Amino acid sequence: MRALNRHKYILSMVIPAIVVLFIFVYMPMGGNIIAFKEYSIKNGIWGSEWAGMKYFQRLWNLPAFWNVLGNQFTISLSMLVIGFPAPIILALLLNEVRHTKLKRIYQTTFTFPYFISWIVLSGVIIGFLVDMGIVNQVLLKLGYEKNTILRDGDQFRMLLYATDVWKLAGWNSILYLATLSSINPELYEAAQIDGASRWQQARYITWPCLIPIASVLLILATGNIMTKGFDQILNLYNVMVQSKVDIIDTYIFREFISKGTNFSFAAAVGLFKAVINITLLLIANAAIKKMGQEGII
């Protein structure tokens, strides 16, 4: 009680955020019950009849379900493996730039792609890579064959990974740069006096300071695997690469949501993904704790 009384003014500033979070995040969770009901707007949530596991079975029995589930894990895990270290490396490189104005220019340049929507970005990428796009025109002028990125599923996946890193690395590096700026400069000065090289300073000073924030972000990224890539893939893919890059969200959107509304089925899909996400998050959290770091739970 003494701690509450001592920090009452700070807590009073947090209360509105807690109320908003409770109303708009936690209260709607009760609506997930419609995944187990034959929901109709007329009867409401509680008046609708129970359907049991009907919509989950319908999801699992879809012809393409296991293929899109496999694509989801393959693409999301690959994006995690490739994309997670990228902002850390970028932050370390930017931290080595001593010229303040040049450092700001670099940071702005790398952060700017985050603010470009996938709709706009996909239009530019497709415009460059289509059959008569500028990339193919250049390749033909140089005597090479046309690219097949938009027609080959494996190459298209590489395009997804590359554009994901290009778009998000700069923005995601901000937290790491903030952490780097908080490191006591005296640690580096002492290391230099002891004869430590730049690599040794990065290994024994910089990296240990980044591990806590990197651990938290890794846990959160792992808990987002089932929701990764929808906007990007929806705006970039085509029929020729569909079997290789079609994920749960794009499949459900194309086959069901765009053709009609079934709230119970949509809720079942969302709940299925949420259960997998929370399971992966708990596994990642436990693994991080076993490695001696603090988790988020």
C-alpha atoms as a PDB file:
ATOM      1  CA  MET A   1       0.000   0.000   0.000  1.00  0.00           C
ATOM      2  CA  ARG A   2       2.899   2.355   0.710  1.00  0.00           C
ATOM      3  CA  ALA A   3       4.219   1.788  -2.809  1.00  0.00           C
ATOM      4  CA  LEU A   4       0.768   2.483  -4.268  1.00  0.00           C
ATOM      5  CA  ASN A   5       0.417   5.644  -2.228  1.00  0.00           C
ATOM      6  CA  ARG A   6       3.935   6.793  -3.167  1.00  0.00           C
ATOM      7  CA  HIS A   7       3.281   6.345  -6.892  1.00  0.00           C
ATOM      8  CA  LYS A   8      -0.409   7.296  -6.918  1.00  0.00           C
ATOM      9  CA  TYR A   9       0.051  10.132  -9.414  1.00  0.00           C
ATOM     10  CA  ILE A  10       1.941   7.956 -11.861  1.00  0.00           C
ATOM     11  CA  LEU A  11      -0.659   5.193 -11.460  1.00  0.00           C
ATOM     12  CA  SER A  12      -3.476   7.686 -12.074  1.00  0.00           C
ATOM     13  CA  MET A  13      -1.903   8.429 -15.475  1.00  0.00           C
ATOM     14  CA  VAL A  14      -1.841   4.718 -16.325  1.00  0.00           C
ATOM     15  CA  ILE A  15      -5.465   4.004 -15.339  1.00  0.00           C
ATOM     16  CA  PRO A  16      -7.044   5.463 -18.543  1.00  0.00           C
ATOM     17  CA  ALA A  17      -4.785   3.271 -20.681  1.00  0.00           C
ATOM     18  CA  ILE A  18      -5.720   0.204 -18.610  1.00  0.00           C
ATOM     19  CA  VAL A  19      -9.426   0.998 -18.993  1.00  0.00           C
ATOM     20  CA  VAL A  20      -9.093   1.405 -22.770  1.00  0.00           C
ATOM     21  CA  LEU A  21      -7.095  -1.834 -22.992  1.00  0.00           C
ATOM     22  CA  PHE A  22      -9.711  -3.689 -20.955  1.00  0.00           C
ATOM     23  CA  ILE A  23     -12.651  -2.387 -23.006  1.00  0.00           C
ATOM     24  CA  PHE A  24     -11.191  -2.788 -26.483  1.00  0.00           C
ATOM     25  CA  VAL A  25      -8.865  -5.800 -26.021  1.00  0.00           C
ATOM     26  CA  TYR A  26      -9.976  -8.033 -23.158  1.00  0.00           C
ATOM     27  CA  MET A  27     -13.762  -7.622 -23.227  1.00  0.00           C
ATOM     28  CA  PRO A  28     -14.058  -8.562 -26.934  1.00  0.00           C
ATOM     29  CA  MET A  29     -12.312 -11.853 -26.162  1.00  0.00           C
ATOM     30  CA  GLY A  30     -15.648 -13.091 -24.860  1.00  0.00           C
ATOM     31  CA  GLY A  31     -16.938 -12.884 -28.410  1.00  0.00           C
ATOM     32  CA  ASN A  32     -14.752 -15.853 -29.341  1.00  0.00           C
ATOM     33  CA  ILE A  33     -17.569 -18.033 -28.063  1.00  0.00           C
ATOM     34  CA  ILE A  34     -19.297 -17.599 -31.433  1.00  0.00           C
ATOM     35  CA  ALA A  35     -16.662 -19.947 -32.882  1.00  0.00           C
ATOM     36  CA  PHE A  36     -18.624 -22.699 -31.097  1.00  0.00           C
ATOM     37  CA  LYS A  37     -22.085 -21.405 -32.076  1.00  0.00           C
ATOM     38  CA  GLU A  38     -24.328 -21.035 -35.126  1.00  0.00           C
ATOM     39  CA  TYR A  39     -24.149 -17.300 -34.741  1.00  0.00           C
ATOM     40  CA  SER A  40     -26.833 -15.081 -36.220  1.00  0.00           C
ATOM     41  CA  ILE A  41     -27.185 -11.345 -35.741  1.00  0.00           C
ATOM     42  CA  LYS A  42     -30.912 -11.781 -35.061  1.00  0.00           C
ATOM     43  CA  ASN A  43     -30.449 -14.147 -32.097  1.00  0.00           C
ATOM     44  CA  GLY A  44     -27.258 -12.557 -30.770  1.00  0.00           C
ATOM     45  CA  ILE A  45     -24.303 -14.304 -29.150  1.00  0.00           C
ATOM     46  CA  TRP A  46     -26.142 -15.903 -26.258  1.00  0.00           C
ATOM     47  CA  GLY A  47     -29.312 -16.702 -28.212  1.00  0.00           C
ATOM     48  CA  SER A  48     -27.549 -18.559 -31.018  1.00  0.00           C
ATOM     49  CA  GLU A  49     -27.480 -22.354 -30.929  1.00  0.00           C
ATOM     50  CA  TRP A  50     -24.339 -24.290 -30.055  1.00  0.00           C
ATOM     51  CA  ALA A  51     -22.378 -25.790 -32.961  1.00  0.00           C
ATOM     52  CA  GLY A  52     -19.589 -27.439 -30.993  1.00  0.00           C
ATOM     53  CA  MET A  53     -16.423 -28.034 -33.038  1.00  0.00           C
ATOM     54  CA  LYS A  54     -18.258 -27.841 -36.368  1.00  0.00           C
ATOM     55  CA  TYR A  55     -16.365 -24.841 -37.738  1.00  0.00           C
ATOM     56  CA  PHE A  56     -12.978 -26.072 -36.551  1.00  0.00           C
ATOM     57  CA  GLN A  57     -13.598 -29.395 -38.303  1.00  0.00           C
ATOM     58  CA  ARG A  58     -14.700 -27.481 -41.379  1.00  0.00           C
ATOM     59  CA  LEU A  59     -11.420 -25.558 -41.294  1.00  0.00           C
ATOM     60  CA  TRP A  60      -9.290 -28.671 -40.851  1.00  0.00           C
ATOM     61  CA  ASN A  61     -11.165 -30.506 -43.629  1.00  0.00           C
ATOM     62  CA  LEU A  62     -10.644 -27.797 -46.236  1.00  0.00           C
ATOM     63  CA  PRO A  63      -8.844 -29.267 -49.288  1.00  0.00           C
ATOM     64  CA  ALA A  64      -5.966 -26.791 -49.159  1.00  0.00           C
ATOM     65  CA  PHE A  65      -5.774 -26.330 -45.375  1.00  0.00           C
ATOM     66  CA  TRP A  66      -2.669 -28.412 -44.646  1.00  0.00           C
ATOM     67  CA  ASN A  67      -0.843 -26.922 -47.614  1.00  0.00           C
ATOM     68  CA  VAL A  68      -1.527 -23.347 -46.512  1.00  0.00           C
ATOM     69  CA  LEU A  69      -0.677 -24.235 -42.911  1.00  0.00           C
ATOM     70  CA  GLY A  70       2.677 -25.600 -44.087  1.00  0.00           C
ATOM     71  CA  ASN A  71       3.246 -22.468 -46.163  1.00  0.00           C
ATOM     72  CA  GLN A  72       2.392 -20.338 -43.138  1.00  0.00           C
ATOM     73  CA  PHE A  73       5.016 -21.967 -40.942  1.00  0.00           C
ATOM     74  CA  THR A  74       7.647 -22.127 -43.692  1.00  0.00           C
ATOM     75  CA  ILE A  75       7.291 -18.489 -44.723  1.00  0.00           C
ATOM     76  CA  SER A  76       6.829 -17.074 -41.209  1.00  0.00           C
ATOM     77  CA  LEU A  77       9.742 -19.010 -39.707  1.00  0.00           C
ATOM     78  CA  SER A  78      11.981 -18.072 -42.631  1.00  0.00           C
ATOM     79  CA  MET A  79      11.035 -14.410 -42.198  1.00  0.00           C
ATOM     80  CA  LEU A  80      11.839 -14.731 -38.498  1.00  0.00           C
ATOM     81  CA  VAL A  81      15.232 -16.363 -39.095  1.00  0.00           C
ATOM     82  CA  ILE A  82      16.204 -13.917 -41.844  1.00  0.00           C
ATOM     83  CA  GLY A  83      14.450 -10.803 -40.615  1.00  0.00           C
ATOM     84  CA  PHE A  84      15.086 -10.894 -36.876  1.00  0.00           C
ATOM     85  CA  PRO A  85      18.896 -10.418 -36.976  1.00  0.00           C
ATOM     86  CA  ALA A  86      18.650  -7.722 -39.696  1.00  0.00           C
ATOM     87  CA  PRO A  87      17.659  -4.775 -37.432  1.00  0.00           C
ATOM     88  CA  ILE A  88      20.274  -5.813 -34.854  1.00  0.00           C
ATOM     89  CA  ILE A  89      23.019  -5.805 -37.491  1.00  0.00           C
ATOM     90  CA  LEU A  90      21.724  -2.515 -38.908  1.00  0.00           C
ATOM     91  CA  ALA A  91      21.673  -0.919 -35.446  1.00  0.00           C
ATOM     92  CA  LEU A  92      25.243  -2.060 -34.779  1.00  0.00           C
ATOM     93  CA  LEU A  93      26.397  -0.637 -38.116  1.00  0.00           C
ATOM     94  CA  LEU A  94      24.602   2.676 -37.569  1.00  0.00           C
ATOM     95  CA  ASN A  95      26.058   2.867 -34.084  1.00  0.00           C
ATOM     96  CA  GLU A  96      29.542   2.827 -35.609  1.00  0.00           C
ATOM     97  CA  VAL A  97      28.812   5.945 -37.708  1.00  0.00           C
ATOM     98  CA  ARG A  98      30.397   8.828 -35.815  1.00  0.00           C
ATOM     99  CA  HIS A  99      29.188  11.680 -38.039  1.00  0.00           C
ATOM    100  CA  THR A 100      25.862  12.724 -36.431  1.00  0.00           C
ATOM    101  CA  LYS A 101      24.204  14.213 -39.526  1.00  0.00           C
ATOM    102  CA  LEU A 102      25.266  11.309 -41.716  1.00  0.00           C
ATOM    103  CA  LYS A 103      23.948   8.886 -39.118  1.00  0.00           C
ATOM    104  CA  ARG A 104      20.552  10.643 -39.140  1.00  0.00           C
ATOM    105  CA  ILE A 105      20.417  10.509 -42.937  1.00  0.00           C
ATOM    106  CA  TYR A 106      21.144   6.779 -42.903  1.00  0.00           C
ATOM    107  CA  GLN A 107      18.582   6.130 -40.177  1.00  0.00           C
ATOM    108  CA  THR A 108      15.891   8.136 -41.992  1.00  0.00           C
ATOM    109  CA  THR A 109      16.657   6.332 -45.259  1.00  0.00           C
ATOM    110  CA  PHE A 110      16.378   2.897 -43.687  1.00  0.00           C
ATOM    111  CA  THR A 111      13.261   3.778 -41.665  1.00  0.00           C
ATOM    112  CA  PHE A 112      11.301   5.405 -44.498  1.00  0.00           C
ATOM    113  CA  PRO A 113      10.197   2.120 -46.226  1.00  0.00           C
ATOM    114  CA  TYR A 114       8.186   1.215 -43.126  1.00  0.00           C
ATOM    115  CA  PHE A 115       5.751   4.033 -43.904  1.00  0.00           C
ATOM    116  CA  ILE A 116       5.092   2.816 -47.459  1.00  0.00           C
ATOM    117  CA  SER A 117       2.001   0.600 -47.561  1.00  0.00           C
ATOM    118  CA  TRP A 118       2.231  -2.844 -49.102  1.00  0.00           C
ATOM    119  CA  ILE A 119      -0.351  -1.801 -51.695  1.00  0.00           C
ATOM    120  CA  VAL A 120       1.921   0.929 -53.034  1.00  0.00           C
ATOM    121  CA  LEU A 121       5.092  -1.095 -52.616  1.00  0.00           C
ATOM    122  CA  SER A 122       3.657  -4.165 -54.339  1.00  0.00           C
ATOM    123  CA  GLY A 123       2.624  -2.051 -57.310  1.00  0.00           C
ATOM    124  CA  VAL A 124       6.184  -0.769 -57.664  1.00  0.00           C
ATOM    125  CA  ILE A 125       7.753  -4.235 -57.273  1.00  0.00           C
ATOM    126  CA  ILE A 126       5.389  -5.874 -59.748  1.00  0.00           C
ATOM    127  CA  GLY A 127       5.906  -2.992 -62.173  1.00  0.00           C
ATOM    128  CA  PHE A 128       9.654  -3.607 -62.078  1.00  0.00           C
ATOM    129  CA  LEU A 129       9.489  -7.402 -62.354  1.00  0.00           C
ATOM    130  CA  VAL A 130       6.659  -8.043 -64.838  1.00  0.00           C
ATOM    131  CA  ASP A 131       7.426  -9.468 -68.266  1.00  0.00           C
ATOM    132  CA  MET A 132       7.986  -6.071 -69.900  1.00  0.00           C
ATOM    133  CA  GLY A 133       9.196  -4.329 -66.725  1.00  0.00           C
ATOM    134  CA  ILE A 134      12.400  -2.365 -66.408  1.00  0.00           C
ATOM    135  CA  VAL A 135      14.325  -5.290 -64.872  1.00  0.00           C
ATOM    136  CA  ASN A 136      13.609  -7.555 -67.826  1.00  0.00           C
ATOM    137  CA  GLN A 137      14.372  -4.763 -70.281  1.00  0.00           C
ATOM    138  CA  VAL A 138      17.803  -4.302 -68.697  1.00  0.00           C
ATOM    139  CA  LEU A 139      18.462  -8.057 -68.617  1.00  0.00           C
ATOM    140  CA  LEU A 140      17.600  -8.391 -72.301  1.00  0.00           C
ATOM    141  CA  LYS A 141      19.853  -5.466 -73.197  1.00  0.00           C
ATOM    142  CA  LEU A 142      22.716  -7.178 -71.366  1.00  0.00           C
ATOM    143  CA  GLY A 143      22.067 -10.448 -73.186  1.00  0.00           C
ATOM    144  CA  TYR A 144      20.480 -12.354 -70.298  1.00  0.00           C
ATOM    145  CA  GLU A 145      17.146 -14.171 -70.100  1.00  0.00           C
ATOM    146  CA  LYS A 146      14.101 -12.596 -68.469  1.00  0.00           C
ATOM    147  CA  ASN A 147      13.609 -13.061 -64.726  1.00  0.00           C
ATOM    148  CA  THR A 148      10.968 -15.534 -63.526  1.00  0.00           C
ATOM    149  CA  ILE A 149      10.535 -14.230 -59.979  1.00  0.00           C
ATOM    150  CA  LEU A 150       6.805 -13.581 -60.327  1.00  0.00           C
ATOM    151  CA  ARG A 151       6.224 -17.014 -61.882  1.00  0.00           C
ATOM    152  CA  ASP A 152       8.501 -19.258 -59.794  1.00  0.00           C
ATOM    153  CA  GLY A 153       7.263 -20.050 -56.285  1.00  0.00           C
ATOM    154  CA  ASP A 154      10.698 -20.546 -54.704  1.00  0.00           C
ATOM    155  CA  GLN A 155      12.063 -17.326 -56.188  1.00  0.00           C
ATOM    156  CA  PHE A 156       8.901 -15.535 -55.123  1.00  0.00           C
ATOM    157  CA  ARG A 157       9.469 -16.637 -51.541  1.00  0.00           C
ATOM    158  CA  MET A 158      12.952 -15.098 -51.701  1.00  0.00           C
ATOM    159  CA  LEU A 159      11.303 -11.888 -52.897  1.00  0.00           C
ATOM    160  CA  LEU A 160       8.997 -11.971 -49.869  1.00  0.00           C
ATOM    161  CA  TYR A 161      11.910 -12.383 -47.458  1.00  0.00           C
ATOM    162  CA  ALA A 162      13.975  -9.625 -49.121  1.00  0.00           C
ATOM    163  CA  THR A 163      11.149  -7.067 -49.232  1.00  0.00           C
ATOM    164  CA  ASP A 164      10.151  -7.886 -45.638  1.00  0.00           C
ATOM    165  CA  VAL A 165      13.687  -7.134 -44.433  1.00  0.00           C
ATOM    166  CA  TRP A 166      13.937  -3.998 -46.601  1.00  0.00           C
ATOM    167  CA  LYS A 167      10.646  -2.633 -45.266  1.00  0.00           C
ATOM    168  CA  LEU A 168      10.939  -3.461 -41.570  1.00  0.00           C
ATOM    169  CA  ALA A 169      14.642  -3.574 -40.644  1.00  0.00           C
ATOM    170  CA  GLY A 170      15.048   0.199 -40.272  1.00  0.00           C
ATOM    171  CA  TRP A 171      11.957   0.614 -38.119  1.00  0.00           C
ATOM    172  CA  ASN A 172      12.741  -2.392 -35.932  1.00  0.00           C
ATOM    173  CA  SER A 173      16.291  -1.121 -35.376  1.00  0.00           C
ATOM    174  CA  ILE A 174      15.017   1.920 -33.444  1.00  0.00           C
ATOM    175  CA  LEU A 175      14.698   0.046 -30.134  1.00  0.00           C
ATOM    176  CA  TYR A 176      18.187  -1.395 -30.527  1.00  0.00           C
ATOM    177  CA  LEU A 177      19.627   2.037 -31.307  1.00  0.00           C
ATOM    178  CA  ALA A 178      17.917   3.436 -28.216  1.00  0.00           C
ATOM    179  CA  THR A 179      19.468   0.642 -26.156  1.00  0.00           C
ATOM    180  CA  LEU A 180      22.900   1.284 -27.655  1.00  0.00           C
ATOM    181  CA  SER A 181      22.662   4.997 -26.846  1.00  0.00           C
ATOM    182  CA  SER A 182      22.044   4.160 -23.182  1.00  0.00           C
ATOM    183  CA  ILE A 183      25.293   2.181 -22.781  1.00  0.00           C
ATOM    184  CA  ASN A 184      27.798   3.974 -20.552  1.00  0.00           C
ATOM    185  CA  PRO A 185      30.644   5.324 -22.774  1.00  0.00           C
ATOM    186  CA  GLU A 186      33.076   4.696 -19.920  1.00  0.00           C
ATOM    187  CA  LEU A 187      32.768   0.969 -20.562  1.00  0.00           C
ATOM    188  CA  TYR A 188      34.171   1.440 -24.075  1.00  0.00           C
ATOM    189  CA  GLU A 189      36.883   3.796 -22.811  1.00  0.00           C
ATOM    190  CA  ALA A 190      37.979   1.241 -20.227  1.00  0.00           C
ATOM    191  CA  ALA A 191      37.979  -1.495 -22.857  1.00  0.00           C
ATOM    192  CA  GLN A 192      40.108   0.638 -25.201  1.00  0.00           C
ATOM    193  CA  ILE A 193      42.623   1.241 -22.409  1.00  0.00           C
ATOM    194  CA  ASP A 194      42.806  -2.512 -21.883  1.00  0.00           C
ATOM    195  CA  GLY A 195      43.555  -2.946 -25.586  1.00  0.00           C
ATOM    196  CA  ALA A 196      40.197  -4.344 -26.701  1.00  0.00           C
ATOM    197  CA  SER A 197      39.533  -4.217 -30.442  1.00  0.00           C
ATOM    198  CA  ARG A 198      36.241  -2.921 -31.916  1.00  0.00           C
ATOM    199  CA  TRP A 199      35.094  -6.497 -32.401  1.00  0.00           C
ATOM    200  CA  GLN A 200      35.886  -7.377 -28.775  1.00  0.00           C
ATOM    201  CA  GLN A 201      34.053  -4.260 -27.568  1.00  0.00           C
ATOM    202  CA  ALA A 202      31.006  -5.254 -29.604  1.00  0.00           C
ATOM    203  CA  ARG A 203      31.177  -8.834 -28.345  1.00  0.00           C
ATOM    204  CA  TYR A 204      31.722  -8.194 -24.650  1.00  0.00           C
ATOM    205  CA  ILE A 205      29.980  -4.830 -24.127  1.00  0.00           C
ATOM    206  CA  THR A 206      27.500  -4.039 -26.895  1.00  0.00           C
ATOM    207  CA  TRP A 207      25.966  -7.460 -27.469  1.00  0.00           C
ATOM    208  CA  PRO A 208      25.349  -8.298 -23.756  1.00  0.00           C
ATOM    209  CA  CYS A 209      23.482  -4.983 -23.443  1.00  0.00           C
ATOM    210  CA  LEU A 210      21.309  -5.850 -26.453  1.00  0.00           C
ATOM    211  CA  ILE A 211      20.423  -9.381 -25.327  1.00  0.00           C
ATOM    212  CA  PRO A 212      17.557  -8.424 -22.929  1.00  0.00           C
ATOM    213  CA  ILE A 213      15.630  -6.343 -25.487  1.00  0.00           C
ATOM    214  CA  ALA A 214      16.441  -8.835 -28.263  1.00  0.00           C
ATOM    215  CA  SER A 215      15.051 -11.661 -26.109  1.00  0.00           C
ATOM    216  CA  VAL A 216      11.758  -9.860 -25.513  1.00  0.00           C
ATOM    217  CA  LEU A 217      11.350  -8.966 -29.201  1.00  0.00           C
ATOM    218  CA  LEU A 218      12.179 -12.542 -30.221  1.00  0.00           C
ATOM    219  CA  ILE A 219       9.454 -13.891 -27.923  1.00  0.00           C
ATOM    220  CA  LEU A 220       6.902 -11.416 -29.319  1.00  0.00           C
ATOM    221  CA  ALA A 221       7.937 -12.181 -32.916  1.00  0.00           C
ATOM    222  CA  THR A 222       7.553 -15.920 -32.275  1.00  0.00           C
ATOM    223  CA  GLY A 223       4.058 -15.299 -30.925  1.00  0.00           C
ATOM    224  CA  ASN A 224       3.140 -13.563 -34.181  1.00  0.00           C
ATOM    225  CA  ILE A 225       4.026 -16.388 -36.573  1.00  0.00           C
ATOM    226  CA  MET A 226       0.449 -17.286 -37.510  1.00  0.00           C
ATOM    227  CA  THR A 227      -0.430 -13.693 -38.436  1.00  0.00           C
ATOM    228  CA  LYS A 228       2.709 -12.859 -40.386  1.00  0.00           C
ATOM    229  CA  GLY A 229       2.712 -11.841 -44.036  1.00  0.00           C
ATOM    230  CA  PHE A 230      -0.967 -11.321 -44.914  1.00  0.00           C
ATOM    231  CA  ASP A 231      -0.775  -7.775 -46.334  1.00  0.00           C
ATOM    232  CA  GLN A 232       2.462  -8.472 -48.144  1.00  0.00           C
ATOM    233  CA  ILE A 233       1.408 -11.742 -49.777  1.00  0.00           C
ATOM    234  CA  LEU A 234      -2.142 -10.615 -50.584  1.00  0.00           C
ATOM    235  CA  ASN A 235      -0.846  -7.669 -52.600  1.00  0.00           C
ATOM    236  CA  LEU A 236       2.090  -9.433 -54.272  1.00  0.00           C
ATOM    237  CA  TYR A 237       1.098 -12.988 -55.157  1.00  0.00           C
ATOM    238  CA  ASN A 238      -0.590 -14.339 -58.273  1.00  0.00           C
ATOM    239  CA  VAL A 239      -2.093 -17.603 -59.491  1.00  0.00           C
ATOM    240  CA  MET A 240       1.245 -18.970 -60.759  1.00  0.00           C
ATOM    241  CA  VAL A 241       2.886 -18.885 -57.308  1.00  0.00           C
ATOM    242  CA  GLN A 242      -0.245 -19.372 -55.226  1.00  0.00           C
ATOM    243  CA  SER A 243       0.451 -22.968 -54.188  1.00  0.00           C
ATOM    244  CA  LYS A 244       3.855 -21.966 -52.777  1.00  0.00           C
ATOM    245  CA  VAL A 245       2.930 -18.782 -50.911  1.00  0.00           C
ATOM    246  CA  ASP A 246      -0.760 -19.132 -50.052  1.00  0.00           C
ATOM    247  CA  ILE A 247      -1.107 -18.835 -46.259  1.00  0.00           C
ATOM    248  CA  ILE A 248      -4.121 -19.266 -43.965  1.00  0.00           C
ATOM    249  CA  ASP A 249      -5.233 -15.634 -44.032  1.00  0.00           C
ATOM    250  CA  THR A 250      -4.976 -15.212 -47.808  1.00  0.00           C
ATOM    251  CA  TYR A 251      -6.750 -18.536 -48.407  1.00  0.00           C
ATOM    252  CA  ILE A 252      -9.618 -17.762 -46.028  1.00  0.00           C
ATOM    253  CA  PHE A 253      -9.923 -14.219 -47.365  1.00  0.00           C
ATOM    254  CA  ARG A 254     -10.032 -15.386 -50.985  1.00  0.00           C
ATOM    255  CA  GLU A 255     -12.288 -18.398 -50.555  1.00  0.00           C
ATOM    256  CA  PHE A 256     -14.698 -17.269 -47.849  1.00  0.00           C
ATOM    257  CA  ILE A 257     -14.575 -13.682 -46.584  1.00  0.00           C
ATOM    258  CA  SER A 258     -14.582 -12.066 -50.041  1.00  0.00           C
ATOM    259  CA  LYS A 259     -17.544 -14.272 -51.072  1.00  0.00           C
ATOM    260  CA  GLY A 260     -19.726 -13.827 -48.027  1.00  0.00           C
ATOM    261  CA  THR A 261     -19.799 -13.424 -44.252  1.00  0.00           C
ATOM    262  CA  ASN A 262     -19.786 -16.275 -41.765  1.00  0.00           C
ATOM    263  CA  PHE A 263     -18.913 -14.843 -38.373  1.00  0.00           C
ATOM    264  CA  SER A 264     -18.670 -18.207 -36.645  1.00  0.00           C
ATOM    265  CA  PHE A 265     -16.227 -19.621 -39.185  1.00  0.00           C
ATOM    266  CA  ALA A 266     -14.120 -16.433 -39.123  1.00  0.00           C
ATOM    267  CA  ALA A 267     -14.031 -16.591 -35.314  1.00  0.00           C
ATOM    268  CA  ALA A 268     -12.965 -20.258 -35.443  1.00  0.00           C
ATOM    269  CA  VAL A 269     -10.089 -19.411 -37.787  1.00  0.00           C
ATOM    270  CA  GLY A 270      -8.994 -16.512 -35.575  1.00  0.00           C
ATOM    271  CA  LEU A 271      -9.197 -18.616 -32.411  1.00  0.00           C
ATOM    272  CA  PHE A 272      -7.256 -21.471 -34.024  1.00  0.00           C
ATOM    273  CA  LYS A 273      -4.455 -19.086 -34.985  1.00  0.00           C
ATOM    274  CA  ALA A 274      -4.492 -17.416 -31.561  1.00  0.00           C
ATOM    275  CA  VAL A 275      -4.087 -20.757 -29.761  1.00  0.00           C
ATOM    276  CA  ILE A 276      -1.068 -21.666 -31.909  1.00  0.00           C
ATOM    277  CA  ASN A 277       0.425 -18.192 -31.418  1.00  0.00           C
ATOM    278  CA  ILE A 278       0.084 -18.265 -27.637  1.00  0.00           C
ATOM    279  CA  THR A 279       1.531 -21.801 -27.560  1.00  0.00           C
ATOM    280  CA  LEU A 280       4.565 -20.714 -29.581  1.00  0.00           C
ATOM    281  CA  LEU A 281       4.939 -17.612 -27.405  1.00  0.00           C
ATOM    282  CA  LEU A 282       4.969 -19.707 -24.211  1.00  0.00           C
ATOM    283  CA  ILE A 283       7.522 -22.117 -25.727  1.00  0.00           C
ATOM    284  CA  ALA A 284       9.759 -19.215 -26.787  1.00  0.00           C
ATOM    285  CA  ASN A 285       9.385 -17.592 -23.371  1.00  0.00           C
ATOM    286  CA  ALA A 286      10.362 -20.820 -21.589  1.00  0.00           C
ATOM    287  CA  ALA A 287      13.345 -21.301 -23.917  1.00  0.00           C
ATOM    288  CA  ILE A 288      14.578 -17.754 -23.289  1.00  0.00           C
ATOM    289  CA  LYS A 289      14.274 -18.266 -19.525  1.00  0.00           C
ATOM    290  CA  LYS A 290      16.259 -21.506 -19.752  1.00  0.00           C
ATOM    291  CA  MET A 291      19.020 -19.506 -21.452  1.00  0.00           C
ATOM    292  CA  GLY A 292      19.222 -17.272 -18.368  1.00  0.00           C
ATOM    293  CA  GLN A 293      17.292 -14.289 -19.724  1.00  0.00           C
ATOM    294  CA  GLU A 294      14.112 -12.733 -18.403  1.00  0.00           C
ATOM    295  CA  GLY A 295      10.958 -13.588 -20.330  1.00  0.00           C
ATOM    296  CA  ILE A 296       7.776 -11.587 -20.620  1.00  0.00           C
ATOM    297  CA  ILE A 297       5.729 -13.912 -18.402  1.00  0.00           C
END
